[in-house]
N, C-alpha and C. Protein backbone atom coordinates (compact mmCIF):
# COMPACT_ATOMS: atom_id res chain seq x y z
N MET A 1 79.99 -18.42 -35.71
CA MET A 1 80.06 -16.93 -35.76
C MET A 1 80.88 -16.51 -34.53
N LYS A 2 81.85 -15.66 -34.76
CA LYS A 2 82.73 -15.20 -33.68
C LYS A 2 81.93 -14.34 -32.68
N PRO A 3 82.10 -14.63 -31.38
CA PRO A 3 81.36 -13.79 -30.36
C PRO A 3 81.93 -12.40 -30.30
N CYS A 4 81.12 -11.45 -29.90
CA CYS A 4 81.59 -10.09 -29.71
C CYS A 4 81.13 -9.57 -28.36
N ARG A 5 81.91 -8.59 -27.88
CA ARG A 5 81.63 -7.98 -26.57
C ARG A 5 81.69 -6.44 -26.76
N GLY A 6 80.62 -5.81 -26.36
CA GLY A 6 80.53 -4.36 -26.54
C GLY A 6 81.34 -3.60 -25.57
N ALA A 7 81.62 -2.36 -25.90
CA ALA A 7 82.35 -1.46 -24.96
C ALA A 7 81.42 -1.10 -23.84
N PRO A 8 81.95 -0.70 -22.68
CA PRO A 8 81.12 -0.33 -21.51
C PRO A 8 80.08 0.74 -21.87
N GLY A 9 78.81 0.46 -21.48
CA GLY A 9 77.75 1.42 -21.69
C GLY A 9 77.02 1.32 -22.99
N ALA A 10 77.59 0.69 -24.00
CA ALA A 10 76.90 0.53 -25.28
C ALA A 10 75.79 -0.45 -25.16
N MET A 11 74.62 -0.08 -25.71
CA MET A 11 73.43 -0.88 -25.54
C MET A 11 72.80 -1.29 -26.85
N VAL A 12 72.08 -2.39 -26.84
CA VAL A 12 71.16 -2.72 -27.92
C VAL A 12 69.82 -2.11 -27.53
N VAL A 13 69.32 -1.21 -28.42
CA VAL A 13 68.03 -0.49 -28.17
C VAL A 13 67.02 -0.93 -29.25
N ILE A 14 65.97 -1.47 -28.86
CA ILE A 14 64.91 -1.93 -29.82
C ILE A 14 63.74 -0.94 -29.76
N ILE A 15 63.40 -0.43 -30.93
CA ILE A 15 62.22 0.43 -31.10
C ILE A 15 61.18 -0.45 -31.84
N SER A 16 60.06 -0.68 -31.25
CA SER A 16 59.11 -1.61 -31.80
C SER A 16 57.69 -1.05 -31.67
N GLY A 17 56.77 -1.75 -32.33
CA GLY A 17 55.37 -1.31 -32.29
C GLY A 17 54.65 -1.83 -33.49
N PRO A 18 53.32 -1.76 -33.54
CA PRO A 18 52.54 -2.26 -34.66
C PRO A 18 52.77 -1.43 -35.92
N SER A 19 52.45 -2.07 -37.07
CA SER A 19 52.50 -1.38 -38.37
C SER A 19 51.66 -0.12 -38.30
N GLY A 20 52.21 1.01 -38.81
CA GLY A 20 51.43 2.22 -38.88
C GLY A 20 51.62 3.12 -37.70
N VAL A 21 52.33 2.68 -36.66
CA VAL A 21 52.43 3.48 -35.43
C VAL A 21 53.41 4.63 -35.62
N GLY A 22 54.28 4.54 -36.63
CA GLY A 22 55.23 5.62 -36.87
C GLY A 22 56.68 5.34 -36.50
N LYS A 23 57.08 4.12 -36.50
CA LYS A 23 58.43 3.75 -36.10
C LYS A 23 59.47 4.47 -37.01
N ASP A 24 59.27 4.42 -38.31
CA ASP A 24 60.19 5.09 -39.25
C ASP A 24 60.28 6.59 -39.02
N THR A 25 59.10 7.17 -38.77
CA THR A 25 59.00 8.59 -38.58
C THR A 25 59.77 9.01 -37.34
N ILE A 26 59.65 8.23 -36.25
CA ILE A 26 60.33 8.57 -35.02
C ILE A 26 61.86 8.38 -35.17
N ILE A 27 62.26 7.32 -35.87
CA ILE A 27 63.68 7.11 -36.11
C ILE A 27 64.25 8.22 -36.94
N ASP A 28 63.48 8.67 -37.94
CA ASP A 28 63.99 9.78 -38.79
C ASP A 28 64.14 11.07 -37.91
N ALA A 29 63.23 11.27 -36.98
CA ALA A 29 63.29 12.41 -36.07
C ALA A 29 64.48 12.30 -35.15
N LEU A 30 64.81 11.12 -34.70
CA LEU A 30 65.95 10.88 -33.87
C LEU A 30 67.25 11.24 -34.68
N LYS A 31 67.30 10.75 -35.85
CA LYS A 31 68.47 11.08 -36.72
C LYS A 31 68.59 12.61 -36.99
N ARG A 32 67.45 13.24 -37.16
CA ARG A 32 67.43 14.63 -37.53
C ARG A 32 67.73 15.56 -36.32
N GLY A 33 67.05 15.34 -35.22
CA GLY A 33 67.19 16.29 -34.18
C GLY A 33 67.76 15.83 -32.86
N HIS A 34 67.91 14.51 -32.71
CA HIS A 34 68.41 13.96 -31.42
C HIS A 34 69.54 12.99 -31.65
N ASN A 35 70.12 13.02 -32.87
CA ASN A 35 71.20 12.09 -33.18
C ASN A 35 72.48 12.42 -32.42
N ARG A 36 73.21 11.46 -32.04
CA ARG A 36 74.46 11.62 -31.34
C ARG A 36 75.50 10.68 -31.94
N PRO A 37 76.77 10.98 -31.72
CA PRO A 37 77.79 10.07 -32.27
C PRO A 37 77.76 8.67 -31.67
N ASP A 38 77.07 8.49 -30.55
CA ASP A 38 76.98 7.14 -29.96
C ASP A 38 75.68 6.44 -30.33
N TYR A 39 74.95 6.93 -31.35
CA TYR A 39 73.81 6.24 -31.90
C TYR A 39 74.20 5.64 -33.25
N ASP A 40 73.91 4.35 -33.42
CA ASP A 40 74.15 3.66 -34.72
C ASP A 40 72.87 3.02 -35.10
N PHE A 41 72.21 3.53 -36.15
CA PHE A 41 70.93 3.02 -36.57
C PHE A 41 71.17 1.85 -37.55
N ILE A 42 70.83 0.68 -37.11
CA ILE A 42 71.11 -0.55 -37.89
C ILE A 42 70.05 -0.67 -38.97
N VAL A 43 70.50 -0.94 -40.18
CA VAL A 43 69.57 -1.10 -41.31
C VAL A 43 69.12 -2.57 -41.41
N THR A 44 67.82 -2.75 -41.35
CA THR A 44 67.22 -4.08 -41.37
C THR A 44 67.27 -4.64 -42.80
N CYS A 45 67.42 -5.92 -42.92
CA CYS A 45 67.32 -6.60 -44.19
C CYS A 45 65.88 -7.11 -44.40
N THR A 46 65.41 -7.09 -45.63
CA THR A 46 64.03 -7.59 -45.94
C THR A 46 63.95 -8.14 -47.33
N THR A 47 62.98 -9.02 -47.50
CA THR A 47 62.75 -9.61 -48.81
C THR A 47 61.59 -8.87 -49.55
N ARG A 48 60.96 -7.93 -48.90
CA ARG A 48 59.86 -7.21 -49.59
C ARG A 48 60.40 -6.21 -50.56
N THR A 49 59.58 -5.77 -51.49
CA THR A 49 60.02 -4.80 -52.48
C THR A 49 59.97 -3.41 -51.92
N PRO A 50 60.80 -2.49 -52.36
CA PRO A 50 60.80 -1.16 -51.85
C PRO A 50 59.50 -0.38 -52.13
N ARG A 51 59.10 0.40 -51.12
CA ARG A 51 57.98 1.30 -51.33
C ARG A 51 58.47 2.60 -51.99
N ALA A 52 57.57 3.41 -52.44
CA ALA A 52 57.97 4.68 -53.08
C ALA A 52 58.79 5.50 -52.13
N GLY A 53 59.91 5.96 -52.62
CA GLY A 53 60.83 6.80 -51.81
C GLY A 53 61.83 6.04 -50.97
N GLU A 54 61.69 4.74 -50.85
CA GLU A 54 62.68 3.99 -50.07
C GLU A 54 63.91 3.69 -50.88
N ARG A 55 65.08 3.77 -50.18
CA ARG A 55 66.36 3.53 -50.86
C ARG A 55 67.08 2.36 -50.22
N ASP A 56 67.64 1.51 -51.01
CA ASP A 56 68.41 0.34 -50.56
C ASP A 56 69.60 0.85 -49.73
N GLY A 57 69.80 0.25 -48.57
CA GLY A 57 70.91 0.58 -47.72
C GLY A 57 70.64 1.76 -46.79
N VAL A 58 69.52 2.43 -47.05
CA VAL A 58 69.14 3.57 -46.20
C VAL A 58 67.92 3.20 -45.31
N HIS A 59 66.84 2.82 -45.97
CA HIS A 59 65.64 2.45 -45.23
C HIS A 59 65.69 0.92 -44.89
N TYR A 60 66.12 0.12 -45.82
CA TYR A 60 66.29 -1.33 -45.62
C TYR A 60 67.39 -1.75 -46.61
N ARG A 61 67.89 -2.98 -46.36
CA ARG A 61 68.67 -3.69 -47.40
C ARG A 61 67.69 -4.66 -48.02
N PHE A 62 67.39 -4.40 -49.29
CA PHE A 62 66.36 -5.22 -50.00
C PHE A 62 67.10 -6.40 -50.66
N LEU A 63 66.74 -7.61 -50.22
CA LEU A 63 67.42 -8.82 -50.69
C LEU A 63 66.43 -9.76 -51.35
N ALA A 64 66.95 -10.55 -52.26
CA ALA A 64 66.17 -11.67 -52.80
C ALA A 64 65.97 -12.69 -51.70
N GLU A 65 64.87 -13.42 -51.73
CA GLU A 65 64.62 -14.35 -50.68
C GLU A 65 65.72 -15.42 -50.60
N SER A 66 66.29 -15.87 -51.71
CA SER A 66 67.32 -16.88 -51.65
C SER A 66 68.56 -16.30 -50.96
N GLU A 67 68.93 -15.05 -51.20
CA GLU A 67 70.06 -14.45 -50.54
C GLU A 67 69.84 -14.27 -49.05
N PHE A 68 68.60 -13.85 -48.70
CA PHE A 68 68.25 -13.68 -47.31
C PHE A 68 68.35 -15.03 -46.55
N LEU A 69 67.77 -16.06 -47.10
CA LEU A 69 67.80 -17.38 -46.45
C LEU A 69 69.24 -17.95 -46.36
N ALA A 70 70.09 -17.64 -47.30
CA ALA A 70 71.47 -18.09 -47.20
C ALA A 70 72.18 -17.42 -46.10
N LEU A 71 71.94 -16.13 -45.88
CA LEU A 71 72.50 -15.39 -44.76
C LEU A 71 71.99 -15.88 -43.45
N ARG A 72 70.72 -16.22 -43.42
CA ARG A 72 70.08 -16.73 -42.19
C ARG A 72 70.71 -18.08 -41.84
N GLU A 73 70.92 -18.92 -42.83
CA GLU A 73 71.50 -20.26 -42.58
C GLU A 73 72.93 -20.13 -42.08
N ALA A 74 73.62 -19.07 -42.53
CA ALA A 74 75.03 -18.86 -42.11
C ALA A 74 75.14 -18.19 -40.79
N GLY A 75 73.98 -17.85 -40.13
CA GLY A 75 74.04 -17.23 -38.79
C GLY A 75 74.34 -15.76 -38.81
N GLU A 76 74.05 -15.07 -39.98
CA GLU A 76 74.43 -13.66 -40.10
C GLU A 76 73.42 -12.70 -39.50
N PHE A 77 72.25 -13.27 -39.03
CA PHE A 77 71.27 -12.41 -38.45
C PHE A 77 71.18 -12.58 -36.94
N LEU A 78 70.99 -11.50 -36.23
CA LEU A 78 70.73 -11.55 -34.79
C LEU A 78 69.32 -12.12 -34.58
N GLU A 79 68.44 -11.79 -35.44
CA GLU A 79 67.08 -12.35 -35.47
C GLU A 79 66.57 -12.26 -36.87
N ALA A 80 65.73 -13.20 -37.31
CA ALA A 80 65.11 -13.19 -38.64
C ALA A 80 63.76 -13.85 -38.49
N ASN A 81 62.72 -13.11 -38.99
CA ASN A 81 61.36 -13.60 -38.89
C ASN A 81 60.55 -13.24 -40.13
N GLN A 82 59.59 -14.09 -40.35
CA GLN A 82 58.67 -13.87 -41.43
C GLN A 82 57.48 -13.06 -40.85
N VAL A 83 57.28 -11.86 -41.31
CA VAL A 83 56.33 -10.94 -40.73
C VAL A 83 55.04 -10.88 -41.58
N HIS A 84 53.85 -10.88 -40.83
CA HIS A 84 52.58 -10.81 -41.49
C HIS A 84 52.37 -11.99 -42.47
N GLY A 85 53.07 -13.08 -42.20
CA GLY A 85 52.90 -14.28 -43.00
C GLY A 85 53.41 -14.16 -44.43
N SER A 86 54.28 -13.18 -44.69
CA SER A 86 54.78 -13.04 -46.08
C SER A 86 56.24 -12.85 -46.14
N HIS A 87 56.71 -11.59 -46.00
CA HIS A 87 58.11 -11.26 -46.23
C HIS A 87 58.99 -11.53 -44.99
N TRP A 88 60.28 -11.74 -45.25
CA TRP A 88 61.27 -11.94 -44.20
C TRP A 88 61.89 -10.59 -43.87
N TYR A 89 62.20 -10.43 -42.56
CA TYR A 89 62.96 -9.29 -42.05
C TYR A 89 64.03 -9.84 -41.11
N GLY A 90 65.18 -9.22 -41.12
CA GLY A 90 66.26 -9.69 -40.25
C GLY A 90 67.21 -8.58 -39.91
N THR A 91 67.80 -8.72 -38.70
CA THR A 91 68.80 -7.75 -38.18
C THR A 91 70.17 -8.26 -38.37
N PRO A 92 71.02 -7.62 -39.22
CA PRO A 92 72.40 -8.09 -39.50
C PRO A 92 73.25 -8.10 -38.23
N ARG A 93 73.63 -9.21 -37.80
CA ARG A 93 74.49 -9.32 -36.56
C ARG A 93 75.81 -8.60 -36.62
N PRO A 94 76.55 -8.70 -37.80
CA PRO A 94 77.85 -7.97 -37.88
C PRO A 94 77.72 -6.48 -37.63
N ALA A 95 76.66 -5.89 -38.14
CA ALA A 95 76.45 -4.44 -37.96
C ALA A 95 76.23 -4.07 -36.46
N VAL A 96 75.51 -4.95 -35.79
CA VAL A 96 75.21 -4.72 -34.38
C VAL A 96 76.53 -4.87 -33.58
N CYS A 97 77.25 -5.89 -33.87
CA CYS A 97 78.57 -6.15 -33.15
C CYS A 97 79.49 -4.96 -33.34
N HIS A 98 79.59 -4.51 -34.57
CA HIS A 98 80.52 -3.45 -34.90
C HIS A 98 80.16 -2.16 -34.09
N ALA A 99 78.84 -1.83 -34.04
CA ALA A 99 78.42 -0.69 -33.29
C ALA A 99 78.78 -0.79 -31.79
N LEU A 100 78.48 -1.96 -31.18
CA LEU A 100 78.73 -2.14 -29.78
C LEU A 100 80.24 -2.12 -29.47
N GLU A 101 81.04 -2.79 -30.30
CA GLU A 101 82.46 -2.82 -30.04
C GLU A 101 83.06 -1.40 -30.17
N GLU A 102 82.42 -0.52 -30.96
CA GLU A 102 82.95 0.81 -31.14
C GLU A 102 82.36 1.74 -30.07
N GLY A 103 81.52 1.25 -29.13
CA GLY A 103 81.01 2.04 -28.07
C GLY A 103 79.74 2.77 -28.39
N ARG A 104 79.03 2.38 -29.45
CA ARG A 104 77.81 3.02 -29.84
C ARG A 104 76.57 2.18 -29.53
N HIS A 105 75.48 2.85 -29.25
CA HIS A 105 74.20 2.13 -29.11
C HIS A 105 73.76 1.60 -30.45
N ALA A 106 73.42 0.29 -30.54
CA ALA A 106 72.90 -0.26 -31.75
C ALA A 106 71.35 -0.13 -31.67
N ILE A 107 70.81 0.77 -32.47
CA ILE A 107 69.38 1.07 -32.41
C ILE A 107 68.68 0.30 -33.54
N LEU A 108 67.78 -0.62 -33.17
CA LEU A 108 67.14 -1.52 -34.06
C LEU A 108 65.64 -1.22 -34.15
N LYS A 109 65.13 -1.25 -35.33
CA LYS A 109 63.68 -1.20 -35.58
C LYS A 109 63.22 -2.61 -35.89
N ILE A 110 62.45 -3.24 -34.91
CA ILE A 110 62.14 -4.64 -35.07
C ILE A 110 60.65 -4.82 -34.69
N ASP A 111 60.00 -5.83 -35.30
CA ASP A 111 58.66 -6.18 -34.95
C ASP A 111 58.64 -6.85 -33.62
N VAL A 112 57.47 -7.05 -33.07
CA VAL A 112 57.28 -7.65 -31.74
C VAL A 112 57.87 -9.06 -31.66
N GLN A 113 57.71 -9.81 -32.72
CA GLN A 113 58.24 -11.20 -32.74
C GLN A 113 59.75 -11.18 -32.63
N GLY A 114 60.36 -10.40 -33.49
CA GLY A 114 61.84 -10.29 -33.45
C GLY A 114 62.38 -9.71 -32.21
N ALA A 115 61.68 -8.75 -31.60
CA ALA A 115 62.14 -8.11 -30.38
C ALA A 115 62.30 -9.17 -29.22
N GLN A 116 61.38 -10.07 -29.17
CA GLN A 116 61.48 -11.09 -28.14
C GLN A 116 62.66 -12.06 -28.35
N VAL A 117 62.95 -12.32 -29.62
CA VAL A 117 64.10 -13.19 -29.93
C VAL A 117 65.39 -12.47 -29.49
N VAL A 118 65.50 -11.18 -29.76
CA VAL A 118 66.70 -10.42 -29.36
C VAL A 118 66.79 -10.37 -27.81
N LYS A 119 65.70 -10.14 -27.17
CA LYS A 119 65.70 -10.08 -25.72
C LYS A 119 66.17 -11.36 -25.10
N GLN A 120 65.83 -12.47 -25.68
CA GLN A 120 66.31 -13.79 -25.19
C GLN A 120 67.82 -13.88 -25.35
N ARG A 121 68.32 -13.36 -26.47
CA ARG A 121 69.78 -13.50 -26.75
C ARG A 121 70.55 -12.38 -26.06
N VAL A 122 69.93 -11.20 -25.85
CA VAL A 122 70.59 -10.10 -25.22
C VAL A 122 69.70 -9.63 -24.07
N PRO A 123 69.76 -10.26 -22.92
CA PRO A 123 68.88 -9.90 -21.81
C PRO A 123 68.99 -8.43 -21.41
N ASP A 124 70.10 -7.74 -21.67
CA ASP A 124 70.25 -6.38 -21.23
C ASP A 124 69.72 -5.40 -22.32
N ALA A 125 69.13 -5.93 -23.41
CA ALA A 125 68.63 -5.03 -24.46
C ALA A 125 67.51 -4.18 -23.87
N LEU A 126 67.47 -2.92 -24.34
CA LEU A 126 66.44 -1.96 -23.93
C LEU A 126 65.32 -1.99 -24.93
N LEU A 127 64.11 -2.31 -24.50
CA LEU A 127 62.96 -2.47 -25.38
C LEU A 127 61.98 -1.27 -25.19
N ILE A 128 61.79 -0.53 -26.28
CA ILE A 128 60.85 0.58 -26.27
C ILE A 128 59.72 0.33 -27.24
N PHE A 129 58.51 0.40 -26.73
CA PHE A 129 57.35 0.06 -27.54
C PHE A 129 56.57 1.36 -27.85
N LEU A 130 56.35 1.65 -29.13
CA LEU A 130 55.54 2.79 -29.54
C LEU A 130 54.09 2.35 -29.70
N VAL A 131 53.19 3.15 -29.15
CA VAL A 131 51.75 2.86 -29.28
C VAL A 131 51.05 4.08 -29.87
N PRO A 132 49.93 3.84 -30.56
CA PRO A 132 49.13 4.99 -31.08
C PRO A 132 48.22 5.51 -30.00
N PRO A 133 47.60 6.70 -30.23
CA PRO A 133 46.62 7.21 -29.24
C PRO A 133 45.46 6.28 -29.11
N SER A 134 45.11 5.56 -30.22
CA SER A 134 43.97 4.64 -30.20
C SER A 134 44.09 3.68 -31.42
N LEU A 135 43.33 2.61 -31.35
CA LEU A 135 43.33 1.70 -32.46
C LEU A 135 42.75 2.36 -33.71
N GLU A 136 41.74 3.20 -33.50
CA GLU A 136 41.12 3.89 -34.63
C GLU A 136 42.16 4.77 -35.36
N THR A 137 42.96 5.47 -34.57
CA THR A 137 44.01 6.31 -35.15
C THR A 137 45.02 5.45 -35.93
N LEU A 138 45.38 4.33 -35.35
CA LEU A 138 46.33 3.39 -36.04
C LEU A 138 45.76 2.91 -37.36
N PHE A 139 44.49 2.50 -37.35
CA PHE A 139 43.94 1.94 -38.57
C PHE A 139 43.84 3.04 -39.64
N ALA A 140 43.55 4.27 -39.18
CA ALA A 140 43.45 5.38 -40.17
C ALA A 140 44.81 5.66 -40.80
N ARG A 141 45.89 5.54 -39.99
CA ARG A 141 47.26 5.73 -40.48
C ARG A 141 47.59 4.64 -41.51
N LEU A 142 47.21 3.43 -41.18
CA LEU A 142 47.48 2.35 -42.11
C LEU A 142 46.73 2.52 -43.45
N ARG A 143 45.50 2.94 -43.38
CA ARG A 143 44.75 3.16 -44.63
C ARG A 143 45.33 4.31 -45.45
N SER A 144 45.81 5.35 -44.74
CA SER A 144 46.31 6.51 -45.48
C SER A 144 47.61 6.23 -46.16
N ARG A 145 48.36 5.17 -45.75
CA ARG A 145 49.58 4.88 -46.46
C ARG A 145 49.37 4.35 -47.84
N ALA A 146 48.27 3.63 -48.04
CA ALA A 146 47.91 3.13 -49.35
C ALA A 146 49.01 2.29 -49.96
N THR A 147 49.69 1.53 -49.11
CA THR A 147 50.78 0.67 -49.63
C THR A 147 50.43 -0.81 -49.57
N GLU A 148 49.24 -1.19 -49.13
CA GLU A 148 48.86 -2.56 -49.04
C GLU A 148 47.53 -2.74 -49.83
N THR A 149 47.33 -3.96 -50.26
CA THR A 149 46.04 -4.36 -50.79
C THR A 149 45.04 -4.48 -49.67
N ALA A 150 43.76 -4.63 -49.97
CA ALA A 150 42.74 -4.77 -48.96
C ALA A 150 43.01 -5.94 -48.04
N ASP A 151 43.41 -7.08 -48.68
CA ASP A 151 43.74 -8.28 -47.87
C ASP A 151 44.93 -8.04 -46.98
N GLN A 152 45.99 -7.41 -47.48
CA GLN A 152 47.18 -7.12 -46.68
C GLN A 152 46.84 -6.16 -45.53
N LEU A 153 46.00 -5.20 -45.82
CA LEU A 153 45.63 -4.28 -44.77
C LEU A 153 44.86 -4.93 -43.66
N GLU A 154 43.99 -5.90 -44.06
CA GLU A 154 43.21 -6.60 -43.05
C GLU A 154 44.18 -7.43 -42.16
N VAL A 155 45.21 -8.04 -42.70
CA VAL A 155 46.16 -8.82 -41.98
C VAL A 155 46.93 -7.90 -41.01
N ARG A 156 47.39 -6.71 -41.44
CA ARG A 156 48.11 -5.79 -40.63
C ARG A 156 47.26 -5.27 -39.47
N GLN A 157 45.98 -5.00 -39.71
CA GLN A 157 45.11 -4.55 -38.68
C GLN A 157 44.91 -5.62 -37.64
N ARG A 158 44.74 -6.85 -38.09
CA ARG A 158 44.59 -7.95 -37.14
C ARG A 158 45.85 -8.12 -36.31
N ASP A 159 46.98 -8.14 -36.98
CA ASP A 159 48.29 -8.29 -36.28
C ASP A 159 48.55 -7.16 -35.29
N ALA A 160 48.12 -5.93 -35.68
CA ALA A 160 48.34 -4.77 -34.83
C ALA A 160 47.65 -4.92 -33.47
N ALA A 161 46.47 -5.40 -33.51
CA ALA A 161 45.70 -5.62 -32.25
C ALA A 161 46.44 -6.68 -31.38
N ILE A 162 46.97 -7.69 -32.02
CA ILE A 162 47.72 -8.75 -31.25
C ILE A 162 48.97 -8.20 -30.68
N GLU A 163 49.66 -7.37 -31.51
CA GLU A 163 50.95 -6.79 -31.05
C GLU A 163 50.75 -5.82 -29.90
N LEU A 164 49.71 -5.03 -29.97
CA LEU A 164 49.46 -4.07 -28.86
C LEU A 164 49.22 -4.76 -27.55
N ALA A 165 48.73 -5.96 -27.59
CA ALA A 165 48.52 -6.70 -26.36
C ALA A 165 49.86 -7.16 -25.74
N ARG A 166 50.93 -7.02 -26.51
CA ARG A 166 52.28 -7.47 -25.99
C ARG A 166 53.07 -6.36 -25.38
N GLN A 167 52.53 -5.17 -25.30
CA GLN A 167 53.31 -4.04 -24.80
C GLN A 167 53.88 -4.21 -23.42
N GLY A 168 53.24 -5.09 -22.62
CA GLY A 168 53.69 -5.36 -21.29
C GLY A 168 55.07 -6.05 -21.25
N ASP A 169 55.49 -6.61 -22.39
CA ASP A 169 56.78 -7.27 -22.47
C ASP A 169 57.95 -6.28 -22.64
N TYR A 170 57.63 -4.98 -22.74
CA TYR A 170 58.67 -3.99 -23.03
C TYR A 170 59.03 -3.21 -21.74
N ASP A 171 60.24 -2.63 -21.80
CA ASP A 171 60.74 -1.83 -20.66
C ASP A 171 60.00 -0.49 -20.59
N HIS A 172 59.70 0.10 -21.73
CA HIS A 172 59.07 1.41 -21.77
C HIS A 172 57.98 1.42 -22.90
N VAL A 173 56.93 2.09 -22.60
CA VAL A 173 55.84 2.27 -23.63
C VAL A 173 55.73 3.78 -23.83
N VAL A 174 55.78 4.21 -25.07
CA VAL A 174 55.71 5.63 -25.45
C VAL A 174 54.55 5.86 -26.44
N VAL A 175 53.67 6.75 -26.10
CA VAL A 175 52.53 7.05 -27.01
C VAL A 175 53.03 8.05 -28.08
N ASN A 176 52.80 7.65 -29.34
CA ASN A 176 53.18 8.53 -30.44
C ASN A 176 51.92 9.30 -30.86
N GLU A 177 51.67 10.43 -30.19
CA GLU A 177 50.53 11.25 -30.46
C GLU A 177 50.61 11.84 -31.86
N THR A 178 49.48 12.02 -32.47
CA THR A 178 49.43 12.61 -33.82
C THR A 178 49.93 14.04 -33.74
N GLY A 179 50.89 14.39 -34.62
CA GLY A 179 51.43 15.68 -34.66
C GLY A 179 52.51 15.96 -33.63
N GLU A 180 52.92 14.95 -32.86
CA GLU A 180 53.91 15.18 -31.77
C GLU A 180 55.15 14.37 -31.99
N VAL A 181 55.59 14.30 -33.23
CA VAL A 181 56.75 13.46 -33.58
C VAL A 181 58.02 13.83 -32.84
N GLU A 182 58.33 15.15 -32.82
CA GLU A 182 59.57 15.61 -32.17
C GLU A 182 59.48 15.31 -30.61
N ARG A 183 58.33 15.52 -30.04
CA ARG A 183 58.19 15.21 -28.61
C ARG A 183 58.41 13.72 -28.34
N THR A 184 57.81 12.90 -29.19
CA THR A 184 57.96 11.45 -29.01
C THR A 184 59.43 11.04 -29.17
N ALA A 185 60.07 11.57 -30.18
CA ALA A 185 61.52 11.28 -30.42
C ALA A 185 62.35 11.70 -29.24
N ALA A 186 62.05 12.87 -28.69
CA ALA A 186 62.80 13.38 -27.55
C ALA A 186 62.61 12.44 -26.34
N ARG A 187 61.43 11.95 -26.13
CA ARG A 187 61.22 11.03 -25.04
C ARG A 187 61.95 9.73 -25.24
N VAL A 188 62.04 9.20 -26.45
CA VAL A 188 62.83 8.02 -26.72
C VAL A 188 64.30 8.26 -26.41
N ALA A 189 64.82 9.40 -26.85
CA ALA A 189 66.24 9.76 -26.59
C ALA A 189 66.50 9.88 -25.11
N GLU A 190 65.51 10.44 -24.36
CA GLU A 190 65.65 10.57 -22.94
C GLU A 190 65.70 9.25 -22.25
N ILE A 191 64.88 8.30 -22.68
CA ILE A 191 64.90 6.93 -22.09
C ILE A 191 66.23 6.27 -22.29
N ILE A 192 66.77 6.41 -23.52
CA ILE A 192 68.05 5.81 -23.82
C ILE A 192 69.16 6.36 -22.85
N GLU A 193 69.16 7.64 -22.66
CA GLU A 193 70.18 8.25 -21.79
C GLU A 193 69.97 7.88 -20.36
N GLU A 194 68.72 7.83 -19.91
CA GLU A 194 68.45 7.42 -18.52
C GLU A 194 68.92 6.03 -18.23
N GLU A 195 68.69 5.14 -19.24
CA GLU A 195 69.10 3.72 -19.05
C GLU A 195 70.61 3.63 -19.06
N ARG A 196 71.29 4.36 -19.88
CA ARG A 196 72.76 4.30 -19.91
C ARG A 196 73.32 4.79 -18.58
N ALA A 197 72.77 5.90 -18.02
CA ALA A 197 73.21 6.42 -16.77
C ALA A 197 72.95 5.46 -15.63
N ARG A 198 71.96 4.65 -15.78
CA ARG A 198 71.58 3.71 -14.71
C ARG A 198 72.65 2.59 -14.62
N GLN A 199 73.11 2.14 -15.78
CA GLN A 199 74.12 1.07 -15.86
C GLN A 199 75.25 1.41 -16.77
N PRO A 200 76.10 2.40 -16.41
CA PRO A 200 77.13 2.88 -17.31
C PRO A 200 78.23 1.85 -17.63
N ASP A 201 78.38 0.83 -16.84
CA ASP A 201 79.45 -0.12 -17.05
C ASP A 201 79.06 -1.44 -17.69
N ARG A 202 77.75 -1.55 -18.01
CA ARG A 202 77.34 -2.81 -18.58
C ARG A 202 78.03 -3.09 -19.99
N ARG A 203 78.25 -4.34 -20.27
CA ARG A 203 78.89 -4.72 -21.52
C ARG A 203 78.06 -5.79 -22.17
N VAL A 204 77.50 -5.56 -23.30
CA VAL A 204 76.63 -6.48 -24.01
C VAL A 204 77.52 -7.50 -24.72
N GLU A 205 77.15 -8.80 -24.62
CA GLU A 205 77.84 -9.87 -25.29
C GLU A 205 76.89 -10.58 -26.28
N LEU A 206 77.39 -10.84 -27.44
CA LEU A 206 76.60 -11.53 -28.49
C LEU A 206 77.33 -12.79 -28.94
């Protein structure tokens, strides 16, 4: 895979957190109210089936497992992991490279496992971890989604507790308070701009 080098100031920004914390909601709020021409929201690839209202190429790129694994074997992913012991998720490397080379921040939504893989490959990546006000709030959000079976919900609840214990691995931790989506998104945008101002000449290499 051909190496790439980003324009000065362009960053890899990872938004992470346990299932149900509201990562998609915050990203939607960033796109809606805090979007800038230097933000590029990278669409993750996955082998899971779409949920109600999800569109291919917008929320995820939905791939057959054989297609996903072929891309993984070809080195097309910046990171690729099997999440919750079932479906594969991966960040398309070409999309990240294109954003960086064009001078835009590559904003990635990645699970805890994948975030650490990216951090190893891109030491200058900015890691932002979203947390719920409490575990009880998180579990209530997971139940209200009604998108998992009882067994799947149990796995996600167990994994969420494990993932929350990893928040110390992140550069910033942001609480996503119930009903405060816009405020949380504004804080995430503020962190991105503060980090860029701190190192305006950095160049990410992949």
